[in-house]
Amino acid sequence: MATTGTEAAIASFAGPLEPPGARMEVFTEAVLAITHRPLEGSAATPSRALAAGLHTIYHSLLDLRSHPRTRTTLTVQSLNSSQSPSQPLYVSSRAVAINAATLSILNAGSIGIKGVPVAIGVAAVSKNGKGKQRSYYDDVPEEEQIQEESEDDKEVALVLDPTRSEEQNAKARFCFGWAFGAGLSSDTPASDSMDHGEGGRRETDQDTEAECVYVESDGVFDAVTFQNAYNASRFACQALMHTLRDRMGEHFETVAVKNSA
């Protein structure tokens, strides 16, 4: 289970497993099936879009090629009340889904991984607090939400792990996912991607390399705001990575060694 701000999600990971039929076999790698489920109702377009994003992240990081002709399953369950099927998921909901998925993969420890992805939501809020400029979470027409701005209105502050209220009143929203680990920028298999110290123990600088593996944004923002949010998310995710390592303790190290062995 993972929590981010006011959002929460739980995930389960299983594999490698025998595929249910020959038609689902892939001779070069394990099949990765990912599902996102809202707390209420059935999975609609936002859930399917998030599942596709999760597939992009983990398909490139997991060492699926070491387990051909098998399948793996990753299921993420939201623990917060859902929105209208026509509305996109909150950025914090997307971030917590990624973090829950990562925790489930680390806890399983059954398939190698090049790097450990974590995510965070960022909201760009007007500093003067004079209402919102744009929000995709309301039924108010977009043209009625966009108003003339003064120079003071254009100044924004970045809020990490925003609440739903903060997202609704933000000018722009971002979700960034960062993966940390050695060998991320190469095609080196997971078995060779981690540096080892004495006795085969992994070096503590797991996050010597970082790669942005997920980006979602909406709202009104300029290049400077995006760059500031991008930079802030990298440092915040790195802090989350250190927290994850500290809380998992020896289990984290054992899983990492197993994944890189």
C-alpha atoms as a PDB file:
ATOM      1  CA  MET A   1       0.000   0.000   0.000  1.00  0.00           C
ATOM      2  CA  ALA A   2       1.180   3.523  -0.790  1.00  0.00           C
ATOM      3  CA  THR A   3      -0.093   6.956   0.199  1.00  0.00           C
ATOM      4  CA  THR A   4       0.663  10.301  -1.412  1.00  0.00           C
ATOM      5  CA  GLY A   5      -0.885  13.382   0.127  1.00  0.00           C
ATOM      6  CA  THR A   6      -4.589  12.570   0.439  1.00  0.00           C
ATOM      7  CA  GLU A   7      -4.479   9.688  -2.045  1.00  0.00           C
ATOM      8  CA  ALA A   8      -3.945   5.981  -1.374  1.00  0.00           C
ATOM      9  CA  ALA A   9      -3.622   2.837  -3.476  1.00  0.00           C
ATOM     10  CA  ILE A  10      -2.727  -0.812  -3.074  1.00  0.00           C
ATOM     11  CA  ALA A  11      -1.151  -3.100  -5.673  1.00  0.00           C
ATOM     12  CA  SER A  12      -0.303  -6.755  -6.205  1.00  0.00           C
ATOM     13  CA  PHE A  13       2.347  -8.269  -8.476  1.00  0.00           C
ATOM     14  CA  ALA A  14       2.608 -11.910  -9.509  1.00  0.00           C
ATOM     15  CA  GLY A  15       4.955 -13.724 -11.821  1.00  0.00           C
ATOM     16  CA  PRO A  16       6.519 -15.269 -13.674  1.00  0.00           C
ATOM     17  CA  LEU A  17       3.486 -17.499 -14.168  1.00  0.00           C
ATOM     18  CA  GLU A  18       2.437 -20.018 -16.766  1.00  0.00           C
ATOM     19  CA  PRO A  19       0.359 -18.281 -19.473  1.00  0.00           C
ATOM     20  CA  PRO A  20      -3.275 -19.399 -19.674  1.00  0.00           C
ATOM     21  CA  GLY A  21      -2.878 -20.433 -23.300  1.00  0.00           C
ATOM     22  CA  ALA A  22      -0.355 -20.756 -26.109  1.00  0.00           C
ATOM     23  CA  ARG A  23      -1.757 -17.651 -27.792  1.00  0.00           C
ATOM     24  CA  MET A  24      -0.625 -15.508 -24.868  1.00  0.00           C
ATOM     25  CA  GLU A  25       2.966 -16.750 -24.997  1.00  0.00           C
ATOM     26  CA  VAL A  26       5.788 -14.523 -26.200  1.00  0.00           C
ATOM     27  CA  PHE A  27       8.952 -16.418 -27.064  1.00  0.00           C
ATOM     28  CA  THR A  28      11.321 -13.550 -26.268  1.00  0.00           C
ATOM     29  CA  GLU A  29      10.018 -12.252 -22.938  1.00  0.00           C
ATOM     30  CA  ALA A  30       7.398 -12.483 -20.227  1.00  0.00           C
ATOM     31  CA  VAL A  31       4.030 -10.911 -20.979  1.00  0.00           C
ATOM     32  CA  LEU A  32       3.266  -7.984 -18.665  1.00  0.00           C
ATOM     33  CA  ALA A  33      -0.455  -7.422 -17.973  1.00  0.00           C
ATOM     34  CA  ILE A  34      -1.404  -4.321 -15.976  1.00  0.00           C
ATOM     35  CA  THR A  35      -4.821  -3.299 -14.661  1.00  0.00           C
ATOM     36  CA  HIS A  36      -5.950  -0.225 -12.726  1.00  0.00           C
ATOM     37  CA  ARG A  37      -9.215  -0.381 -10.800  1.00  0.00           C
ATOM     38  CA  PRO A  38     -11.105   2.594  -9.371  1.00  0.00           C
ATOM     39  CA  LEU A  39     -12.652   2.301  -5.929  1.00  0.00           C
ATOM     40  CA  GLU A  40     -16.130   2.728  -7.370  1.00  0.00           C
ATOM     41  CA  GLY A  41     -17.564   1.599 -10.666  1.00  0.00           C
ATOM     42  CA  SER A  42     -15.745  -0.062 -13.545  1.00  0.00           C
ATOM     43  CA  ALA A  43     -12.464   0.892 -15.159  1.00  0.00           C
ATOM     44  CA  ALA A  44     -13.109   3.568 -17.772  1.00  0.00           C
ATOM     45  CA  THR A  45     -10.847   5.588 -20.060  1.00  0.00           C
ATOM     46  CA  PRO A  46      -8.803   7.269 -17.253  1.00  0.00           C
ATOM     47  CA  SER A  47      -8.010   3.886 -15.675  1.00  0.00           C
ATOM     48  CA  ARG A  48      -7.071   2.368 -19.003  1.00  0.00           C
ATOM     49  CA  ALA A  49      -4.869   5.355 -19.807  1.00  0.00           C
ATOM     50  CA  LEU A  50      -3.075   5.023 -16.474  1.00  0.00           C
ATOM     51  CA  ALA A  51      -2.609   1.284 -17.008  1.00  0.00           C
ATOM     52  CA  ALA A  52      -1.012   2.049 -20.379  1.00  0.00           C
ATOM     53  CA  GLY A  53       1.315   4.540 -18.696  1.00  0.00           C
ATOM     54  CA  LEU A  54       2.280   1.989 -16.055  1.00  0.00           C
ATOM     55  CA  HIS A  55       2.999  -0.536 -18.782  1.00  0.00           C
ATOM     56  CA  THR A  56       5.378   1.919 -20.463  1.00  0.00           C
ATOM     57  CA  ILE A  57       7.263   2.406 -17.191  1.00  0.00           C
ATOM     58  CA  TYR A  58       7.630  -1.178 -16.056  1.00  0.00           C
ATOM     59  CA  HIS A  59       7.998  -2.868 -19.422  1.00  0.00           C
ATOM     60  CA  SER A  60      11.211  -0.900 -19.961  1.00  0.00           C
ATOM     61  CA  LEU A  61      12.561  -1.522 -16.426  1.00  0.00           C
ATOM     62  CA  LEU A  62      11.631  -5.109 -15.582  1.00  0.00           C
ATOM     63  CA  ASP A  63      13.924  -7.873 -16.850  1.00  0.00           C
ATOM     64  CA  LEU A  64      11.145  -9.631 -18.736  1.00  0.00           C
ATOM     65  CA  ARG A  65      13.559 -11.158 -21.255  1.00  0.00           C
ATOM     66  CA  SER A  66      14.927 -13.507 -18.609  1.00  0.00           C
ATOM     67  CA  HIS A  67      11.504 -15.182 -18.351  1.00  0.00           C
ATOM     68  CA  PRO A  68      10.268 -15.956 -21.887  1.00  0.00           C
ATOM     69  CA  ARG A  69       6.996 -17.773 -22.486  1.00  0.00           C
ATOM     70  CA  THR A  70       5.596 -16.694 -19.099  1.00  0.00           C
ATOM     71  CA  ARG A  71       3.318 -13.932 -17.889  1.00  0.00           C
ATOM     72  CA  THR A  72       3.331 -11.396 -15.080  1.00  0.00           C
ATOM     73  CA  THR A  73       0.368  -9.473 -13.684  1.00  0.00           C
ATOM     74  CA  LEU A  74       0.280  -6.112 -11.929  1.00  0.00           C
ATOM     75  CA  THR A  75      -3.023  -4.899 -10.463  1.00  0.00           C
ATOM     76  CA  VAL A  76      -3.398  -1.461  -8.891  1.00  0.00           C
ATOM     77  CA  GLN A  77      -6.478  -0.659  -6.794  1.00  0.00           C
ATOM     78  CA  SER A  78      -7.363   2.928  -5.906  1.00  0.00           C
ATOM     79  CA  LEU A  79      -8.531   3.431  -2.319  1.00  0.00           C
ATOM     80  CA  ASN A  80     -10.046   6.891  -2.879  1.00  0.00           C
ATOM     81  CA  SER A  81     -13.486   7.743  -4.182  1.00  0.00           C
ATOM     82  CA  SER A  82     -13.469   7.907  -7.932  1.00  0.00           C
ATOM     83  CA  GLN A  83     -14.359  10.770 -10.225  1.00  0.00           C
ATOM     84  CA  SER A  84     -16.647  10.982 -13.187  1.00  0.00           C
ATOM     85  CA  PRO A  85     -15.558   8.537 -15.924  1.00  0.00           C
ATOM     86  CA  SER A  86     -15.146  11.508 -18.279  1.00  0.00           C
ATOM     87  CA  GLN A  87     -12.648  13.287 -16.002  1.00  0.00           C
ATOM     88  CA  PRO A  88      -8.921  12.536 -15.900  1.00  0.00           C
ATOM     89  CA  LEU A  89      -7.403  11.113 -12.750  1.00  0.00           C
ATOM     90  CA  TYR A  90      -5.858  13.538 -10.300  1.00  0.00           C
ATOM     91  CA  VAL A  91      -2.093  13.737 -10.664  1.00  0.00           C
ATOM     92  CA  SER A  92      -1.684  12.585  -7.058  1.00  0.00           C
ATOM     93  CA  SER A  93      -3.828   9.544  -7.873  1.00  0.00           C
ATOM     94  CA  ARG A  94      -1.489   8.683 -10.730  1.00  0.00           C
ATOM     95  CA  ALA A  95       1.583   9.192  -8.555  1.00  0.00           C
ATOM     96  CA  VAL A  96       0.327   6.978  -5.745  1.00  0.00           C
ATOM     97  CA  ALA A  97      -0.571   4.266  -8.271  1.00  0.00           C
ATOM     98  CA  ILE A  98       3.034   4.207  -9.499  1.00  0.00           C
ATOM     99  CA  ASN A  99       4.404   4.106  -5.965  1.00  0.00           C
ATOM    100  CA  ALA A 100       2.063   1.276  -4.972  1.00  0.00           C
ATOM    101  CA  ALA A 101       3.059  -0.689  -8.086  1.00  0.00           C
ATOM    102  CA  THR A 102       6.754  -0.261  -7.281  1.00  0.00           C
ATOM    103  CA  LEU A 103       6.245  -1.431  -3.703  1.00  0.00           C
ATOM    104  CA  SER A 104       4.417  -4.549  -4.868  1.00  0.00           C
ATOM    105  CA  ILE A 105       7.198  -5.415  -7.340  1.00  0.00           C
ATOM    106  CA  LEU A 106       9.901  -4.922  -4.711  1.00  0.00           C
ATOM    107  CA  ASN A 107       7.995  -7.012  -2.179  1.00  0.00           C
ATOM    108  CA  ALA A 108       7.580  -9.827  -4.712  1.00  0.00           C
ATOM    109  CA  GLY A 109      11.274  -9.706  -5.667  1.00  0.00           C
ATOM    110  CA  SER A 110      10.697 -12.315  -8.370  1.00  0.00           C
ATOM    111  CA  ILE A 111      11.838 -10.430 -11.483  1.00  0.00           C
ATOM    112  CA  GLY A 112      14.926  -8.272 -11.983  1.00  0.00           C
ATOM    113  CA  ILE A 113      14.584  -4.535 -12.434  1.00  0.00           C
ATOM    114  CA  LYS A 114      17.050  -1.946 -13.758  1.00  0.00           C
ATOM    115  CA  GLY A 115      15.867   0.870 -11.528  1.00  0.00           C
ATOM    116  CA  VAL A 116      13.241   1.678  -8.927  1.00  0.00           C
ATOM    117  CA  PRO A 117      10.545   4.110 -10.135  1.00  0.00           C
ATOM    118  CA  VAL A 118       8.767   6.499  -7.770  1.00  0.00           C
ATOM    119  CA  ALA A 119       6.420   9.367  -8.615  1.00  0.00           C
ATOM    120  CA  ILE A 120       5.023  12.613  -7.257  1.00  0.00           C
ATOM    121  CA  GLY A 121       2.271  15.059  -8.188  1.00  0.00           C
ATOM    122  CA  VAL A 122       2.946  18.779  -8.529  1.00  0.00           C
ATOM    123  CA  ALA A 123       0.418  21.628  -8.687  1.00  0.00           C
ATOM    124  CA  ALA A 124       1.194  25.155  -9.896  1.00  0.00           C
ATOM    125  CA  VAL A 125      -0.936  27.479  -7.781  1.00  0.00           C
ATOM    126  CA  SER A 126      -1.288  31.234  -8.248  1.00  0.00           C
ATOM    127  CA  LYS A 127       0.611  33.044  -5.488  1.00  0.00           C
ATOM    128  CA  ASN A 128      -2.068  35.682  -4.977  1.00  0.00           C
ATOM    129  CA  GLY A 129      -4.771  33.044  -4.556  1.00  0.00           C
ATOM    130  CA  LYS A 130      -7.277  34.844  -6.803  1.00  0.00           C
ATOM    131  CA  GLY A 131      -9.098  31.762  -7.938  1.00  0.00           C
ATOM    132  CA  LYS A 132      -8.327  29.275 -10.630  1.00  0.00           C
ATOM    133  CA  GLN A 133      -7.580  29.918 -14.261  1.00  0.00           C
ATOM    134  CA  ARG A 134      -8.349  26.464 -15.503  1.00  0.00           C
ATOM    135  CA  SER A 135      -9.552  23.151 -14.183  1.00  0.00           C
ATOM    136  CA  TYR A 136     -10.416  19.928 -15.947  1.00  0.00           C
ATOM    137  CA  TYR A 137     -12.225  18.652 -12.886  1.00  0.00           C
ATOM    138  CA  ASP A 138     -15.308  20.855 -13.174  1.00  0.00           C
ATOM    139  CA  ASP A 139     -18.292  20.999 -15.470  1.00  0.00           C
ATOM    140  CA  VAL A 140     -17.690  24.714 -16.015  1.00  0.00           C
ATOM    141  CA  PRO A 141     -16.854  25.438 -19.679  1.00  0.00           C
ATOM    142  CA  GLU A 142     -13.180  26.095 -20.215  1.00  0.00           C
ATOM    143  CA  GLU A 143     -13.720  29.511 -21.766  1.00  0.00           C
ATOM    144  CA  GLU A 144     -15.525  30.639 -18.617  1.00  0.00           C
ATOM    145  CA  GLN A 145     -12.642  29.538 -16.408  1.00  0.00           C
ATOM    146  CA  ILE A 146      -9.881  31.396 -18.272  1.00  0.00           C
ATOM    147  CA  GLN A 147      -9.732  35.011 -17.198  1.00  0.00           C
ATOM    148  CA  GLU A 148      -7.513  37.985 -17.873  1.00  0.00           C
ATOM    149  CA  GLU A 149      -4.430  37.854 -15.669  1.00  0.00           C
ATOM    150  CA  SER A 150      -2.390  40.631 -14.192  1.00  0.00           C
ATOM    151  CA  GLU A 151       1.359  40.257 -13.895  1.00  0.00           C
ATOM    152  CA  ASP A 152       0.918  39.256 -10.244  1.00  0.00           C
ATOM    153  CA  ASP A 153      -1.568  36.571 -11.229  1.00  0.00           C
ATOM    154  CA  LYS A 154       1.035  34.923 -13.464  1.00  0.00           C
ATOM    155  CA  GLU A 155       3.351  34.168 -10.538  1.00  0.00           C
ATOM    156  CA  VAL A 156       2.866  30.632  -9.302  1.00  0.00           C
ATOM    157  CA  ALA A 157       4.039  28.513  -6.404  1.00  0.00           C
ATOM    158  CA  LEU A 158       4.637  24.783  -6.749  1.00  0.00           C
ATOM    159  CA  VAL A 159       2.838  22.445  -4.346  1.00  0.00           C
ATOM    160  CA  LEU A 160       4.127  18.881  -3.978  1.00  0.00           C
ATOM    161  CA  ASP A 161       1.650  16.109  -3.170  1.00  0.00           C
ATOM    162  CA  PRO A 162      -1.319  18.459  -3.689  1.00  0.00           C
ATOM    163  CA  THR A 163      -4.724  17.714  -2.251  1.00  0.00           C
ATOM    164  CA  ARG A 164      -7.685  17.391  -4.588  1.00  0.00           C
ATOM    165  CA  SER A 165      -8.808  20.883  -3.618  1.00  0.00           C
ATOM    166  CA  GLU A 166      -5.371  22.284  -4.456  1.00  0.00           C
ATOM    167  CA  GLU A 167      -5.399  20.505  -7.808  1.00  0.00           C
ATOM    168  CA  GLN A 168      -8.837  21.827  -8.617  1.00  0.00           C
ATOM    169  CA  ASN A 169      -7.709  25.385  -7.961  1.00  0.00           C
ATOM    170  CA  ALA A 170      -4.329  25.057  -9.642  1.00  0.00           C
ATOM    171  CA  LYS A 171      -3.405  26.686 -12.906  1.00  0.00           C
ATOM    172  CA  ALA A 172      -1.491  23.571 -13.961  1.00  0.00           C
ATOM    173  CA  ARG A 173      -0.889  20.049 -12.698  1.00  0.00           C
ATOM    174  CA  PHE A 174       1.986  17.636 -13.317  1.00  0.00           C
ATOM    175  CA  CYS A 175       2.826  14.042 -12.480  1.00  0.00           C
ATOM    176  CA  PHE A 176       6.463  12.989 -12.803  1.00  0.00           C
ATOM    177  CA  GLY A 177       7.861   9.498 -12.368  1.00  0.00           C
ATOM    178  CA  TRP A 178      11.605   8.989 -11.846  1.00  0.00           C
ATOM    179  CA  ALA A 179      13.534   5.707 -11.867  1.00  0.00           C
ATOM    180  CA  PHE A 180      16.747   5.443  -9.848  1.00  0.00           C
ATOM    181  CA  GLY A 181      19.495   2.873 -10.379  1.00  0.00           C
ATOM    182  CA  ALA A 182      22.737   2.154 -12.179  1.00  0.00           C
ATOM    183  CA  GLY A 183      22.681   1.353 -15.901  1.00  0.00           C
ATOM    184  CA  LEU A 184      19.347   2.999 -16.662  1.00  0.00           C
ATOM    185  CA  SER A 185      20.599   4.682 -19.816  1.00  0.00           C
ATOM    186  CA  SER A 186      21.992   1.491 -21.326  1.00  0.00           C
ATOM    187  CA  ASP A 187      20.551  -1.743 -22.671  1.00  0.00           C
ATOM    188  CA  THR A 188      22.478  -3.737 -20.090  1.00  0.00           C
ATOM    189  CA  PRO A 189      20.375  -6.573 -18.620  1.00  0.00           C
ATOM    190  CA  ALA A 190      19.228  -6.136 -15.043  1.00  0.00           C
ATOM    191  CA  SER A 191      21.682  -8.858 -13.978  1.00  0.00           C
ATOM    192  CA  ASP A 192      24.597  -6.611 -15.011  1.00  0.00           C
ATOM    193  CA  SER A 193      23.115  -3.189 -14.390  1.00  0.00           C
ATOM    194  CA  MET A 194      23.802  -2.820 -10.653  1.00  0.00           C
ATOM    195  CA  ASP A 195      27.239  -2.190  -9.182  1.00  0.00           C
ATOM    196  CA  HIS A 196      28.301  -4.500  -6.375  1.00  0.00           C
ATOM    197  CA  GLY A 197      30.609  -3.875  -3.479  1.00  0.00           C
ATOM    198  CA  GLU A 198      32.504  -6.369  -1.333  1.00  0.00           C
ATOM    199  CA  GLY A 199      30.817  -9.697  -0.841  1.00  0.00           C
ATOM    200  CA  GLY A 200      28.409  -9.049  -3.714  1.00  0.00           C
ATOM    201  CA  ARG A 201      26.549  -6.394  -1.727  1.00  0.00           C
ATOM    202  CA  ARG A 202      25.024  -3.610  -3.789  1.00  0.00           C
ATOM    203  CA  GLU A 203      26.534  -0.162  -3.408  1.00  0.00           C
ATOM    204  CA  THR A 204      24.417   2.236  -1.361  1.00  0.00           C
ATOM    205  CA  ASP A 205      24.324   4.760  -4.215  1.00  0.00           C
ATOM    206  CA  GLN A 206      21.421   2.969  -5.881  1.00  0.00           C
ATOM    207  CA  ASP A 207      20.280   6.268  -7.334  1.00  0.00           C
ATOM    208  CA  THR A 208      23.562   7.274  -9.000  1.00  0.00           C
ATOM    209  CA  GLU A 209      21.555   7.469 -12.217  1.00  0.00           C
ATOM    210  CA  ALA A 210      18.073   8.891 -12.586  1.00  0.00           C
ATOM    211  CA  GLU A 211      15.742   8.812 -15.561  1.00  0.00           C
ATOM    212  CA  CYS A 212      12.371  10.478 -15.968  1.00  0.00           C
ATOM    213  CA  VAL A 213      10.107   7.620 -17.031  1.00  0.00           C
ATOM    214  CA  TYR A 214       6.652   9.211 -16.751  1.00  0.00           C
ATOM    215  CA  VAL A 215       5.281  12.710 -17.421  1.00  0.00           C
ATOM    216  CA  GLU A 216       1.661  13.868 -17.458  1.00  0.00           C
ATOM    217  CA  SER A 217       0.499  17.488 -17.418  1.00  0.00           C
ATOM    218  CA  ASP A 218      -2.570  19.633 -17.952  1.00  0.00           C
ATOM    219  CA  GLY A 219      -3.566  23.243 -17.464  1.00  0.00           C
ATOM    220  CA  VAL A 220      -1.893  26.494 -18.477  1.00  0.00           C
ATOM    221  CA  PHE A 221       1.848  26.835 -17.886  1.00  0.00           C
ATOM    222  CA  ASP A 222       5.007  28.136 -19.524  1.00  0.00           C
ATOM    223  CA  ALA A 223       8.400  26.542 -20.069  1.00  0.00           C
ATOM    224  CA  VAL A 224       9.822  28.013 -16.859  1.00  0.00           C
ATOM    225  CA  THR A 225       7.016  26.582 -14.722  1.00  0.00           C
ATOM    226  CA  PHE A 226       7.403  23.181 -16.322  1.00  0.00           C
ATOM    227  CA  GLN A 227      11.178  23.173 -15.823  1.00  0.00           C
ATOM    228  CA  ASN A 228      10.823  24.203 -12.181  1.00  0.00           C
ATOM    229  CA  ALA A 229       8.259  21.448 -11.591  1.00  0.00           C
ATOM    230  CA  TYR A 230      10.492  18.963 -13.395  1.00  0.00           C
ATOM    231  CA  ASN A 231      13.494  19.825 -11.225  1.00  0.00           C
ATOM    232  CA  ALA A 232      11.485  19.845  -7.992  1.00  0.00           C
ATOM    233  CA  SER A 233      10.003  16.449  -8.793  1.00  0.00           C
ATOM    234  CA  ARG A 234      13.443  14.912  -9.307  1.00  0.00           C
ATOM    235  CA  PHE A 235      14.662  15.984  -5.855  1.00  0.00           C
ATOM    236  CA  ALA A 236      11.367  15.006  -4.205  1.00  0.00           C
ATOM    237  CA  CYS A 237      11.392  11.560  -5.813  1.00  0.00           C
ATOM    238  CA  GLN A 238      15.003  11.069  -4.789  1.00  0.00           C
ATOM    239  CA  ALA A 239      13.982  11.794  -1.194  1.00  0.00           C
ATOM    240  CA  LEU A 240      11.134   9.277  -1.538  1.00  0.00           C
ATOM    241  CA  MET A 241      13.640   6.736  -2.800  1.00  0.00           C
ATOM    242  CA  HIS A 242      15.833   7.228   0.291  1.00  0.00           C
ATOM    243  CA  THR A 243      12.769   6.937   2.552  1.00  0.00           C
ATOM    244  CA  LEU A 244      11.727   3.725   0.827  1.00  0.00           C
ATOM    245  CA  ARG A 245      15.178   2.239   1.296  1.00  0.00           C
ATOM    246  CA  ASP A 246      15.323   3.239   4.966  1.00  0.00           C
ATOM    247  CA  ARG A 247      11.886   1.830   5.789  1.00  0.00           C
ATOM    248  CA  MET A 248      12.415  -1.465   3.990  1.00  0.00           C
ATOM    249  CA  GLY A 249      15.877  -1.859   5.533  1.00  0.00           C
ATOM    250  CA  GLU A 250      17.549  -5.193   4.933  1.00  0.00           C
ATOM    251  CA  HIS A 251      14.590  -6.468   2.937  1.00  0.00           C
ATOM    252  CA  PHE A 252      15.141  -3.705   0.385  1.00  0.00           C
ATOM    253  CA  GLU A 253      18.811  -4.663   0.098  1.00  0.00           C
ATOM    254  CA  THR A 254      17.955  -8.357  -0.210  1.00  0.00           C
ATOM    255  CA  VAL A 255      15.432  -7.724  -2.960  1.00  0.00           C
ATOM    256  CA  ALA A 256      17.856  -5.444  -4.792  1.00  0.00           C
ATOM    257  CA  VAL A 257      20.630  -8.034  -4.624  1.00  0.00           C
ATOM    258  CA  LYS A 258      18.241 -10.725  -5.824  1.00  0.00           C
ATOM    259  CA  ASN A 259      17.070  -8.522  -8.657  1.00  0.00           C
ATOM    260  CA  SER A 260      20.597  -7.750  -9.764  1.00  0.00           C
ATOM    261  CA  ALA A 261      22.069 -11.207  -9.255  1.00  0.00           C
END
